[in-house]
Amino acid sequence: MNNGGANMLDGADFGAYVGALVRNIPDFPKPGILFKDITPLIGDAKALRMVVGALAEPWVNQRIDAVVGIESRGFIFGAAVAMQLDAGFVPLRKPGKLPSDVDSVTYQLEYGSSTLEMHRDALRAGDRVLIVDDLLATGGTAAAAVELVRRQGGEVAALTFVVELAFLQGRSVLGDTQVRSLLVYGEGE
């Protein structure tokens, strides 16, 4: 595992402290998948504070109008990052969860397919958007989020993730969109 850069927050090495709280769950949600469980990380107040700070820090002096969080763990980090950046928060949800008119995108996951929805009036044309999620794997979910933002005329400033499974090459489907991950894992890590 590498931490995507030398992040020193609260006097502790970011990669060592936060990375130690990400546990591996073999064969979840199906055989052959090594799931990166961030539940212990979000249960640790110091680690959660460190992660939210690290996700927000590059954008503090940038114009970010909205933070888009992807269901469901992206809500945890995205809403907190939005508060730090004095930006609005936009949830991307699974079908049937949003009460007003929606736009939707269906995409492939590493173990199936899914659909994301966003309210049609969630963004204004020209809004600079930061997309936040817990995990970048094959990139399907992230690419769907980018598509939904761009359909509304939003400009994707970047995508930022807590964990990236680099061996699944999710960045490759995101084109030239800026991607930042706090913890990057190779195969088998």
N, C-alpha and C. Protein backbone atom coordinates (compact mmCIF):
# COMPACT_ATOMS: atom_id res chain seq x y z
N MET A 1 0.85 -1.18 0.00
CA MET A 1 0.00 0.00 0.00
C MET A 1 0.88 1.23 0.00
N ASN A 2 0.50 2.25 -0.79
CA ASN A 2 1.15 3.55 -0.64
C ASN A 2 0.08 4.56 -0.33
N ASN A 3 0.46 5.67 0.29
CA ASN A 3 -0.55 6.62 0.74
C ASN A 3 -0.76 7.76 -0.24
N GLY A 4 -0.29 7.62 -1.48
CA GLY A 4 -0.55 8.64 -2.48
C GLY A 4 0.17 9.94 -2.19
N GLY A 5 1.16 9.93 -1.36
CA GLY A 5 1.89 11.14 -1.01
C GLY A 5 2.17 11.16 0.47
N ALA A 6 3.08 12.00 0.87
CA ALA A 6 3.45 12.09 2.28
C ALA A 6 2.47 13.01 2.99
N ASN A 7 1.42 12.45 3.56
CA ASN A 7 0.44 13.23 4.30
C ASN A 7 0.75 13.15 5.78
N MET A 8 1.05 14.26 6.37
CA MET A 8 1.28 14.31 7.81
C MET A 8 0.20 15.19 8.41
N LEU A 9 -0.69 14.61 9.18
CA LEU A 9 -1.76 15.34 9.84
C LEU A 9 -1.78 14.94 11.30
N ASP A 10 -2.00 15.92 12.18
CA ASP A 10 -2.08 15.65 13.62
C ASP A 10 -0.84 14.94 14.15
N GLY A 11 0.31 15.17 13.53
CA GLY A 11 1.55 14.59 14.01
C GLY A 11 1.70 13.10 13.76
N ALA A 12 0.78 12.49 13.04
CA ALA A 12 0.87 11.06 12.77
C ALA A 12 1.03 10.82 11.28
N ASP A 13 1.69 9.78 10.91
CA ASP A 13 1.81 9.44 9.50
C ASP A 13 0.45 8.96 9.01
N PHE A 14 -0.09 9.68 8.03
CA PHE A 14 -1.43 9.41 7.54
C PHE A 14 -1.59 7.95 7.08
N GLY A 15 -0.70 7.51 6.20
CA GLY A 15 -0.81 6.16 5.64
C GLY A 15 -0.76 5.08 6.69
N ALA A 16 0.14 5.24 7.65
CA ALA A 16 0.28 4.21 8.69
C ALA A 16 -0.93 4.20 9.61
N TYR A 17 -1.34 5.37 10.08
CA TYR A 17 -2.44 5.42 11.04
C TYR A 17 -3.76 5.03 10.40
N VAL A 18 -4.11 5.72 9.31
CA VAL A 18 -5.40 5.49 8.67
C VAL A 18 -5.41 4.13 7.97
N GLY A 19 -4.33 3.80 7.28
CA GLY A 19 -4.26 2.54 6.56
C GLY A 19 -4.42 1.33 7.46
N ALA A 20 -3.93 1.43 8.69
CA ALA A 20 -4.06 0.32 9.64
C ALA A 20 -5.51 0.06 10.04
N LEU A 21 -6.38 1.04 9.81
CA LEU A 21 -7.79 0.89 10.17
C LEU A 21 -8.65 0.35 9.04
N VAL A 22 -8.07 0.14 7.87
CA VAL A 22 -8.80 -0.46 6.75
C VAL A 22 -8.55 -1.96 6.81
N ARG A 23 -9.62 -2.72 6.98
CA ARG A 23 -9.42 -4.17 7.11
C ARG A 23 -9.89 -4.89 5.84
N ASN A 24 -9.25 -6.00 5.57
CA ASN A 24 -9.58 -6.85 4.43
C ASN A 24 -10.63 -7.87 4.82
N ILE A 25 -11.67 -7.97 4.01
CA ILE A 25 -12.71 -8.99 4.21
C ILE A 25 -12.72 -9.86 2.94
N PRO A 26 -12.16 -11.08 3.02
CA PRO A 26 -12.12 -11.95 1.83
C PRO A 26 -13.51 -12.43 1.44
N ASP A 27 -13.69 -12.58 0.13
CA ASP A 27 -14.90 -13.18 -0.44
C ASP A 27 -16.18 -12.42 -0.11
N PHE A 28 -16.08 -11.09 -0.07
CA PHE A 28 -17.26 -10.24 0.14
C PHE A 28 -17.27 -9.16 -0.92
N PRO A 29 -18.36 -8.95 -1.60
CA PRO A 29 -19.69 -9.52 -1.43
C PRO A 29 -19.88 -10.84 -2.16
N LYS A 30 -18.83 -11.31 -2.86
CA LYS A 30 -18.93 -12.62 -3.50
C LYS A 30 -17.54 -13.25 -3.53
N PRO A 31 -17.44 -14.55 -3.75
CA PRO A 31 -16.14 -15.22 -3.77
C PRO A 31 -15.16 -14.56 -4.76
N GLY A 32 -13.93 -14.44 -4.31
CA GLY A 32 -12.88 -13.86 -5.14
C GLY A 32 -12.66 -12.37 -4.95
N ILE A 33 -13.57 -11.70 -4.26
CA ILE A 33 -13.44 -10.27 -4.01
C ILE A 33 -12.79 -10.08 -2.64
N LEU A 34 -11.75 -9.23 -2.57
CA LEU A 34 -11.14 -8.84 -1.30
C LEU A 34 -11.64 -7.44 -0.99
N PHE A 35 -12.61 -7.35 -0.09
CA PHE A 35 -13.31 -6.11 0.24
C PHE A 35 -12.48 -5.29 1.21
N LYS A 36 -12.32 -4.00 0.94
CA LYS A 36 -11.64 -3.07 1.83
C LYS A 36 -12.70 -2.43 2.72
N ASP A 37 -12.75 -2.84 3.97
CA ASP A 37 -13.76 -2.37 4.92
C ASP A 37 -13.23 -1.14 5.64
N ILE A 38 -13.92 0.00 5.43
CA ILE A 38 -13.51 1.25 6.08
C ILE A 38 -14.30 1.53 7.36
N THR A 39 -15.14 0.58 7.77
CA THR A 39 -15.94 0.80 8.98
C THR A 39 -15.08 1.13 10.20
N PRO A 40 -13.96 0.44 10.44
CA PRO A 40 -13.12 0.83 11.58
C PRO A 40 -12.54 2.24 11.43
N LEU A 41 -12.25 2.64 10.21
CA LEU A 41 -11.72 3.98 9.96
C LEU A 41 -12.74 5.05 10.35
N ILE A 42 -13.98 4.90 9.89
CA ILE A 42 -14.97 5.93 10.21
C ILE A 42 -15.41 5.87 11.67
N GLY A 43 -15.13 4.76 12.36
CA GLY A 43 -15.42 4.65 13.78
C GLY A 43 -14.36 5.26 14.66
N ASP A 44 -13.25 5.67 14.09
CA ASP A 44 -12.14 6.27 14.82
C ASP A 44 -12.16 7.77 14.56
N ALA A 45 -12.47 8.57 15.57
CA ALA A 45 -12.65 10.02 15.39
C ALA A 45 -11.42 10.69 14.79
N LYS A 46 -10.24 10.31 15.25
CA LYS A 46 -9.01 10.92 14.74
C LYS A 46 -8.82 10.58 13.27
N ALA A 47 -9.00 9.32 12.90
CA ALA A 47 -8.83 8.90 11.51
C ALA A 47 -9.87 9.57 10.62
N LEU A 48 -11.10 9.65 11.07
CA LEU A 48 -12.15 10.29 10.28
C LEU A 48 -11.81 11.76 10.05
N ARG A 49 -11.37 12.44 11.08
CA ARG A 49 -10.96 13.85 10.96
C ARG A 49 -9.80 13.99 9.98
N MET A 50 -8.83 13.09 10.07
CA MET A 50 -7.67 13.12 9.17
C MET A 50 -8.10 12.91 7.72
N VAL A 51 -8.97 11.95 7.48
CA VAL A 51 -9.41 11.65 6.13
C VAL A 51 -10.20 12.81 5.54
N VAL A 52 -11.15 13.33 6.28
CA VAL A 52 -11.94 14.46 5.78
C VAL A 52 -11.03 15.65 5.48
N GLY A 53 -10.09 15.92 6.36
CA GLY A 53 -9.15 17.02 6.13
C GLY A 53 -8.31 16.79 4.88
N ALA A 54 -7.83 15.57 4.69
CA ALA A 54 -7.00 15.26 3.53
C ALA A 54 -7.80 15.30 2.23
N LEU A 55 -9.07 14.91 2.27
CA LEU A 55 -9.91 14.98 1.07
C LEU A 55 -10.19 16.44 0.70
N ALA A 56 -10.39 17.29 1.68
CA ALA A 56 -10.76 18.68 1.43
C ALA A 56 -9.57 19.59 1.15
N GLU A 57 -8.42 19.31 1.74
CA GLU A 57 -7.29 20.23 1.75
C GLU A 57 -6.89 20.79 0.39
N PRO A 58 -6.78 20.00 -0.68
CA PRO A 58 -6.35 20.59 -1.96
C PRO A 58 -7.34 21.60 -2.54
N TRP A 59 -8.56 21.62 -2.02
CA TRP A 59 -9.62 22.44 -2.61
C TRP A 59 -10.00 23.62 -1.75
N VAL A 60 -9.33 23.82 -0.62
CA VAL A 60 -9.69 24.88 0.32
C VAL A 60 -9.66 26.26 -0.34
N ASN A 61 -8.68 26.55 -1.14
CA ASN A 61 -8.57 27.86 -1.78
C ASN A 61 -9.01 27.84 -3.24
N GLN A 62 -9.76 26.84 -3.61
CA GLN A 62 -10.29 26.71 -4.97
C GLN A 62 -11.80 26.97 -4.92
N ARG A 63 -12.35 27.35 -6.04
CA ARG A 63 -13.81 27.52 -6.09
C ARG A 63 -14.46 26.15 -6.33
N ILE A 64 -15.08 25.63 -5.32
CA ILE A 64 -15.89 24.42 -5.43
C ILE A 64 -17.31 24.81 -5.02
N ASP A 65 -18.23 24.71 -5.97
CA ASP A 65 -19.62 25.11 -5.70
C ASP A 65 -20.43 23.99 -5.07
N ALA A 66 -20.10 22.75 -5.42
CA ALA A 66 -20.85 21.61 -4.90
C ALA A 66 -19.92 20.40 -4.77
N VAL A 67 -20.19 19.64 -3.73
CA VAL A 67 -19.54 18.34 -3.55
C VAL A 67 -20.60 17.29 -3.81
N VAL A 68 -20.29 16.36 -4.71
CA VAL A 68 -21.20 15.26 -5.03
C VAL A 68 -20.69 14.02 -4.31
N GLY A 69 -21.55 13.42 -3.51
CA GLY A 69 -21.21 12.19 -2.79
C GLY A 69 -21.99 11.02 -3.35
N ILE A 70 -21.30 9.91 -3.54
CA ILE A 70 -21.91 8.72 -4.15
C ILE A 70 -22.37 7.77 -3.05
N GLU A 71 -23.63 7.30 -3.16
CA GLU A 71 -24.23 6.42 -2.17
C GLU A 71 -23.37 5.18 -1.96
N SER A 72 -23.17 4.77 -0.80
CA SER A 72 -23.63 5.41 0.42
C SER A 72 -22.46 5.98 1.22
N ARG A 73 -21.31 5.34 1.15
CA ARG A 73 -20.19 5.83 1.95
C ARG A 73 -19.66 7.17 1.47
N GLY A 74 -19.92 7.51 0.22
CA GLY A 74 -19.55 8.83 -0.28
C GLY A 74 -20.33 9.93 0.42
N PHE A 75 -21.49 9.59 0.99
CA PHE A 75 -22.26 10.57 1.77
C PHE A 75 -21.51 10.97 3.03
N ILE A 76 -20.91 9.97 3.67
CA ILE A 76 -20.20 10.21 4.93
C ILE A 76 -19.10 11.22 4.71
N PHE A 77 -18.27 10.98 3.70
CA PHE A 77 -17.12 11.85 3.45
C PHE A 77 -17.52 13.11 2.70
N GLY A 78 -18.41 12.98 1.73
CA GLY A 78 -18.78 14.12 0.89
C GLY A 78 -19.44 15.24 1.66
N ALA A 79 -20.37 14.93 2.55
CA ALA A 79 -21.04 15.98 3.32
C ALA A 79 -20.04 16.70 4.22
N ALA A 80 -19.14 15.98 4.84
CA ALA A 80 -18.14 16.60 5.70
C ALA A 80 -17.17 17.46 4.89
N VAL A 81 -16.78 16.99 3.71
CA VAL A 81 -15.90 17.79 2.84
C VAL A 81 -16.63 19.05 2.38
N ALA A 82 -17.90 18.92 2.01
CA ALA A 82 -18.68 20.09 1.59
C ALA A 82 -18.70 21.15 2.68
N MET A 83 -18.87 20.73 3.93
CA MET A 83 -18.87 21.69 5.04
C MET A 83 -17.52 22.40 5.13
N GLN A 84 -16.44 21.66 4.98
CA GLN A 84 -15.10 22.26 5.06
C GLN A 84 -14.86 23.25 3.93
N LEU A 85 -15.48 23.00 2.78
CA LEU A 85 -15.25 23.85 1.61
C LEU A 85 -16.32 24.92 1.44
N ASP A 86 -17.26 24.98 2.38
CA ASP A 86 -18.37 25.94 2.29
C ASP A 86 -19.10 25.78 0.96
N ALA A 87 -19.35 24.53 0.60
CA ALA A 87 -20.02 24.20 -0.65
C ALA A 87 -21.30 23.43 -0.34
N GLY A 88 -22.18 23.37 -1.32
CA GLY A 88 -23.37 22.55 -1.19
C GLY A 88 -23.02 21.08 -1.34
N PHE A 89 -23.94 20.22 -0.93
CA PHE A 89 -23.75 18.77 -1.06
C PHE A 89 -24.87 18.20 -1.92
N VAL A 90 -24.49 17.35 -2.88
CA VAL A 90 -25.45 16.70 -3.78
C VAL A 90 -25.29 15.19 -3.65
N PRO A 91 -26.34 14.49 -3.24
CA PRO A 91 -26.25 13.03 -3.15
C PRO A 91 -26.57 12.36 -4.48
N LEU A 92 -25.75 11.38 -4.86
CA LEU A 92 -26.08 10.49 -5.97
C LEU A 92 -26.60 9.22 -5.35
N ARG A 93 -27.80 8.80 -5.75
CA ARG A 93 -28.49 7.71 -5.08
C ARG A 93 -28.79 6.56 -6.01
N LYS A 94 -29.13 5.43 -5.40
CA LYS A 94 -29.63 4.27 -6.13
C LYS A 94 -31.06 4.59 -6.59
N PRO A 95 -31.57 3.88 -7.59
CA PRO A 95 -32.89 4.18 -8.14
C PRO A 95 -34.00 4.17 -7.10
N GLY A 96 -34.93 5.12 -7.27
CA GLY A 96 -36.12 5.19 -6.44
C GLY A 96 -35.94 5.85 -5.09
N LYS A 97 -34.78 6.42 -4.81
CA LYS A 97 -34.52 7.02 -3.50
C LYS A 97 -34.67 8.53 -3.48
N LEU A 98 -34.68 9.19 -4.64
CA LEU A 98 -34.80 10.64 -4.70
C LEU A 98 -36.24 11.02 -5.05
N PRO A 99 -36.81 12.03 -4.39
CA PRO A 99 -38.23 12.31 -4.52
C PRO A 99 -38.65 13.18 -5.70
N SER A 100 -37.72 13.82 -6.40
CA SER A 100 -38.09 14.71 -7.50
C SER A 100 -37.60 14.14 -8.83
N ASP A 101 -37.71 14.94 -9.90
CA ASP A 101 -37.27 14.49 -11.22
C ASP A 101 -35.79 14.17 -11.20
N VAL A 102 -35.42 13.02 -11.80
CA VAL A 102 -34.03 12.57 -11.77
C VAL A 102 -33.51 12.29 -13.17
N ASP A 103 -32.20 12.31 -13.28
CA ASP A 103 -31.47 11.79 -14.43
C ASP A 103 -30.76 10.55 -13.91
N SER A 104 -30.57 9.54 -14.77
CA SER A 104 -29.93 8.32 -14.29
C SER A 104 -28.92 7.80 -15.31
N VAL A 105 -27.95 7.05 -14.80
CA VAL A 105 -26.94 6.39 -15.61
C VAL A 105 -26.77 4.98 -15.07
N THR A 106 -26.81 3.99 -15.97
CA THR A 106 -26.53 2.60 -15.60
C THR A 106 -25.10 2.28 -16.03
N TYR A 107 -24.38 1.56 -15.19
CA TYR A 107 -22.95 1.33 -15.41
C TYR A 107 -22.58 -0.06 -14.89
N GLN A 108 -21.37 -0.50 -15.26
CA GLN A 108 -20.87 -1.81 -14.84
C GLN A 108 -20.00 -1.68 -13.59
N LEU A 109 -20.17 -2.61 -12.68
CA LEU A 109 -19.32 -2.75 -11.50
C LEU A 109 -18.38 -3.93 -11.71
N GLU A 110 -17.43 -4.10 -10.79
CA GLU A 110 -16.54 -5.24 -10.90
C GLU A 110 -17.27 -6.56 -10.69
N TYR A 111 -18.49 -6.52 -10.13
CA TYR A 111 -19.25 -7.75 -9.89
C TYR A 111 -20.73 -7.59 -10.25
N GLY A 112 -21.04 -6.85 -11.33
CA GLY A 112 -22.42 -6.69 -11.76
C GLY A 112 -22.65 -5.33 -12.39
N SER A 113 -23.89 -4.85 -12.35
CA SER A 113 -24.21 -3.52 -12.85
C SER A 113 -25.08 -2.81 -11.83
N SER A 114 -25.16 -1.48 -11.99
CA SER A 114 -25.95 -0.68 -11.07
C SER A 114 -26.37 0.60 -11.79
N THR A 115 -27.18 1.39 -11.11
CA THR A 115 -27.67 2.65 -11.65
C THR A 115 -27.52 3.72 -10.57
N LEU A 116 -27.12 4.91 -10.99
CA LEU A 116 -27.08 6.08 -10.11
C LEU A 116 -28.07 7.12 -10.61
N GLU A 117 -28.66 7.84 -9.68
CA GLU A 117 -29.58 8.91 -10.02
C GLU A 117 -29.19 10.20 -9.30
N MET A 118 -29.54 11.32 -9.95
CA MET A 118 -29.31 12.65 -9.36
C MET A 118 -30.50 13.52 -9.74
N HIS A 119 -30.93 14.36 -8.81
CA HIS A 119 -31.99 15.30 -9.14
C HIS A 119 -31.57 16.16 -10.32
N ARG A 120 -32.50 16.37 -11.23
CA ARG A 120 -32.21 17.16 -12.44
C ARG A 120 -31.85 18.61 -12.12
N ASP A 121 -32.28 19.12 -10.99
CA ASP A 121 -32.00 20.52 -10.64
C ASP A 121 -30.93 20.65 -9.55
N ALA A 122 -30.12 19.62 -9.37
CA ALA A 122 -29.13 19.62 -8.28
C ALA A 122 -27.98 20.57 -8.52
N LEU A 123 -27.64 20.82 -9.78
CA LEU A 123 -26.51 21.68 -10.12
C LEU A 123 -26.96 22.75 -11.09
N ARG A 124 -26.18 23.84 -11.12
CA ARG A 124 -26.37 24.89 -12.12
C ARG A 124 -25.26 24.77 -13.15
N ALA A 125 -25.55 25.16 -14.37
CA ALA A 125 -24.53 25.16 -15.42
C ALA A 125 -23.34 25.99 -14.95
N GLY A 126 -22.14 25.44 -15.11
CA GLY A 126 -20.93 26.15 -14.71
C GLY A 126 -20.46 25.86 -13.30
N ASP A 127 -21.28 25.17 -12.49
CA ASP A 127 -20.84 24.81 -11.13
C ASP A 127 -19.56 23.98 -11.21
N ARG A 128 -18.59 24.32 -10.36
CA ARG A 128 -17.38 23.49 -10.22
C ARG A 128 -17.68 22.46 -9.14
N VAL A 129 -17.47 21.19 -9.49
CA VAL A 129 -17.91 20.08 -8.64
C VAL A 129 -16.73 19.20 -8.27
N LEU A 130 -16.68 18.82 -7.00
CA LEU A 130 -15.76 17.81 -6.50
C LEU A 130 -16.58 16.56 -6.22
N ILE A 131 -16.22 15.44 -6.83
CA ILE A 131 -16.91 14.17 -6.61
C ILE A 131 -16.13 13.38 -5.57
N VAL A 132 -16.83 12.91 -4.54
CA VAL A 132 -16.20 12.22 -3.42
C VAL A 132 -16.84 10.84 -3.24
N ASP A 133 -15.98 9.84 -3.06
CA ASP A 133 -16.46 8.50 -2.72
C ASP A 133 -15.41 7.80 -1.89
N ASP A 134 -15.78 6.68 -1.31
CA ASP A 134 -14.84 5.95 -0.47
C ASP A 134 -13.86 5.13 -1.28
N LEU A 135 -14.27 4.63 -2.48
CA LEU A 135 -13.47 3.63 -3.18
C LEU A 135 -13.49 3.84 -4.69
N LEU A 136 -12.31 3.76 -5.30
CA LEU A 136 -12.18 3.69 -6.75
C LEU A 136 -11.71 2.28 -7.07
N ALA A 137 -12.54 1.52 -7.79
CA ALA A 137 -12.18 0.16 -8.19
C ALA A 137 -12.07 0.13 -9.71
N THR A 138 -13.10 -0.33 -10.41
CA THR A 138 -13.04 -0.39 -11.87
C THR A 138 -13.37 0.93 -12.53
N GLY A 139 -13.90 1.88 -11.77
CA GLY A 139 -14.18 3.22 -12.29
C GLY A 139 -15.57 3.41 -12.85
N GLY A 140 -16.38 2.37 -12.89
CA GLY A 140 -17.73 2.49 -13.45
C GLY A 140 -18.61 3.46 -12.70
N THR A 141 -18.61 3.38 -11.38
CA THR A 141 -19.42 4.28 -10.57
C THR A 141 -18.94 5.71 -10.72
N ALA A 142 -17.63 5.91 -10.69
CA ALA A 142 -17.06 7.25 -10.82
C ALA A 142 -17.38 7.84 -12.19
N ALA A 143 -17.27 7.04 -13.24
CA ALA A 143 -17.58 7.52 -14.59
C ALA A 143 -19.05 7.90 -14.71
N ALA A 144 -19.94 7.14 -14.08
CA ALA A 144 -21.36 7.47 -14.08
C ALA A 144 -21.60 8.80 -13.36
N ALA A 145 -20.90 9.02 -12.26
CA ALA A 145 -21.03 10.28 -11.53
C ALA A 145 -20.57 11.46 -12.39
N VAL A 146 -19.45 11.30 -13.07
CA VAL A 146 -18.95 12.35 -13.97
C VAL A 146 -19.99 12.65 -15.05
N GLU A 147 -20.55 11.61 -15.64
CA GLU A 147 -21.56 11.80 -16.68
C GLU A 147 -22.77 12.57 -16.17
N LEU A 148 -23.26 12.21 -14.97
CA LEU A 148 -24.42 12.91 -14.41
C LEU A 148 -24.11 14.39 -14.16
N VAL A 149 -22.94 14.68 -13.62
CA VAL A 149 -22.55 16.08 -13.37
C VAL A 149 -22.47 16.86 -14.68
N ARG A 150 -21.83 16.28 -15.67
CA ARG A 150 -21.66 16.98 -16.96
C ARG A 150 -22.99 17.17 -17.69
N ARG A 151 -23.92 16.24 -17.53
CA ARG A 151 -25.25 16.39 -18.16
C ARG A 151 -25.95 17.65 -17.67
N GLN A 152 -25.67 18.04 -16.43
CA GLN A 152 -26.30 19.24 -15.87
C GLN A 152 -25.46 20.49 -16.10
N GLY A 153 -24.40 20.37 -16.87
CA GLY A 153 -23.57 21.53 -17.17
C GLY A 153 -22.53 21.82 -16.12
N GLY A 154 -22.35 20.90 -15.18
CA GLY A 154 -21.33 21.07 -14.15
C GLY A 154 -19.95 20.76 -14.69
N GLU A 155 -18.95 21.39 -14.11
CA GLU A 155 -17.55 21.15 -14.45
C GLU A 155 -16.95 20.30 -13.34
N VAL A 156 -16.44 19.14 -13.68
CA VAL A 156 -15.83 18.26 -12.67
C VAL A 156 -14.41 18.76 -12.41
N ALA A 157 -14.20 19.34 -11.24
CA ALA A 157 -12.86 19.81 -10.86
C ALA A 157 -11.95 18.60 -10.63
N ALA A 158 -12.48 17.58 -9.95
CA ALA A 158 -11.71 16.38 -9.65
C ALA A 158 -12.62 15.34 -9.00
N LEU A 159 -12.08 14.14 -8.93
CA LEU A 159 -12.68 13.07 -8.14
C LEU A 159 -11.68 12.74 -7.05
N THR A 160 -12.17 12.51 -5.84
CA THR A 160 -11.28 12.17 -4.74
C THR A 160 -11.85 10.99 -3.97
N PHE A 161 -10.96 10.08 -3.61
CA PHE A 161 -11.35 8.81 -2.98
C PHE A 161 -10.52 8.56 -1.74
N VAL A 162 -11.07 7.83 -0.80
CA VAL A 162 -10.31 7.40 0.37
C VAL A 162 -9.38 6.26 -0.05
N VAL A 163 -9.91 5.27 -0.76
CA VAL A 163 -9.17 4.06 -1.14
C VAL A 163 -9.24 3.88 -2.65
N GLU A 164 -8.11 3.48 -3.24
CA GLU A 164 -8.08 3.11 -4.66
C GLU A 164 -7.45 1.73 -4.80
N LEU A 165 -8.12 0.87 -5.55
CA LEU A 165 -7.58 -0.44 -5.89
C LEU A 165 -6.94 -0.28 -7.27
N ALA A 166 -5.67 0.12 -7.30
CA ALA A 166 -4.99 0.51 -8.54
C ALA A 166 -4.94 -0.61 -9.56
N PHE A 167 -4.86 -1.86 -9.11
CA PHE A 167 -4.76 -2.99 -10.03
C PHE A 167 -6.01 -3.19 -10.87
N LEU A 168 -7.14 -2.57 -10.49
CA LEU A 168 -8.36 -2.66 -11.28
C LEU A 168 -8.44 -1.56 -12.34
N GLN A 169 -7.47 -0.65 -12.34
CA GLN A 169 -7.29 0.37 -13.36
C GLN A 169 -8.50 1.26 -13.58
N GLY A 170 -9.17 1.65 -12.49
CA GLY A 170 -10.33 2.52 -12.59
C GLY A 170 -10.03 3.88 -13.18
N ARG A 171 -8.82 4.39 -12.97
CA ARG A 171 -8.46 5.69 -13.53
C ARG A 171 -8.55 5.70 -15.05
N SER A 172 -8.32 4.55 -15.65
CA SER A 172 -8.27 4.48 -17.11
C SER A 172 -9.61 4.81 -17.77
N VAL A 173 -10.73 4.63 -17.08
CA VAL A 173 -12.03 4.95 -17.66
C VAL A 173 -12.46 6.38 -17.39
N LEU A 174 -11.63 7.13 -16.66
CA LEU A 174 -11.99 8.50 -16.28
C LEU A 174 -11.34 9.55 -17.15
N GLY A 175 -10.61 9.12 -18.18
CA GLY A 175 -10.01 10.06 -19.12
C GLY A 175 -9.04 11.01 -18.44
N ASP A 176 -9.14 12.28 -18.78
CA ASP A 176 -8.20 13.26 -18.25
C ASP A 176 -8.71 13.95 -16.99
N THR A 177 -9.80 13.45 -16.42
CA THR A 177 -10.33 14.02 -15.17
C THR A 177 -9.33 13.79 -14.05
N GLN A 178 -9.07 14.83 -13.26
CA GLN A 178 -8.12 14.71 -12.16
C GLN A 178 -8.67 13.74 -11.11
N VAL A 179 -7.81 12.80 -10.67
CA VAL A 179 -8.18 11.82 -9.66
C VAL A 179 -7.16 11.88 -8.53
N ARG A 180 -7.65 11.89 -7.29
CA ARG A 180 -6.78 11.87 -6.12
C ARG A 180 -7.30 10.81 -5.15
N SER A 181 -6.42 9.92 -4.73
CA SER A 181 -6.77 8.87 -3.76
C SER A 181 -5.83 8.95 -2.58
N LEU A 182 -6.36 8.76 -1.39
CA LEU A 182 -5.54 8.87 -0.18
C LEU A 182 -4.77 7.59 0.09
N LEU A 183 -5.36 6.44 -0.10
CA LEU A 183 -4.71 5.15 0.12
C LEU A 183 -4.82 4.33 -1.16
N VAL A 184 -3.69 3.95 -1.72
CA VAL A 184 -3.67 3.21 -2.98
C VAL A 184 -3.11 1.81 -2.73
N TYR A 185 -3.88 0.80 -3.16
CA TYR A 185 -3.49 -0.60 -2.94
C TYR A 185 -3.22 -1.30 -4.26
N GLY A 186 -2.20 -2.14 -4.27
CA GLY A 186 -1.92 -3.04 -5.39
C GLY A 186 -2.66 -4.35 -5.17
N GLU A 187 -2.55 -5.24 -6.13
CA GLU A 187 -3.25 -6.52 -6.05
C GLU A 187 -2.75 -7.33 -4.85
N GLY A 188 -3.70 -7.89 -4.10
CA GLY A 188 -3.38 -8.72 -2.95
C GLY A 188 -3.04 -7.98 -1.68
N GLU A 189 -3.03 -6.66 -1.72
CA GLU A 189 -2.70 -5.89 -0.50
C GLU A 189 -3.93 -5.70 0.36
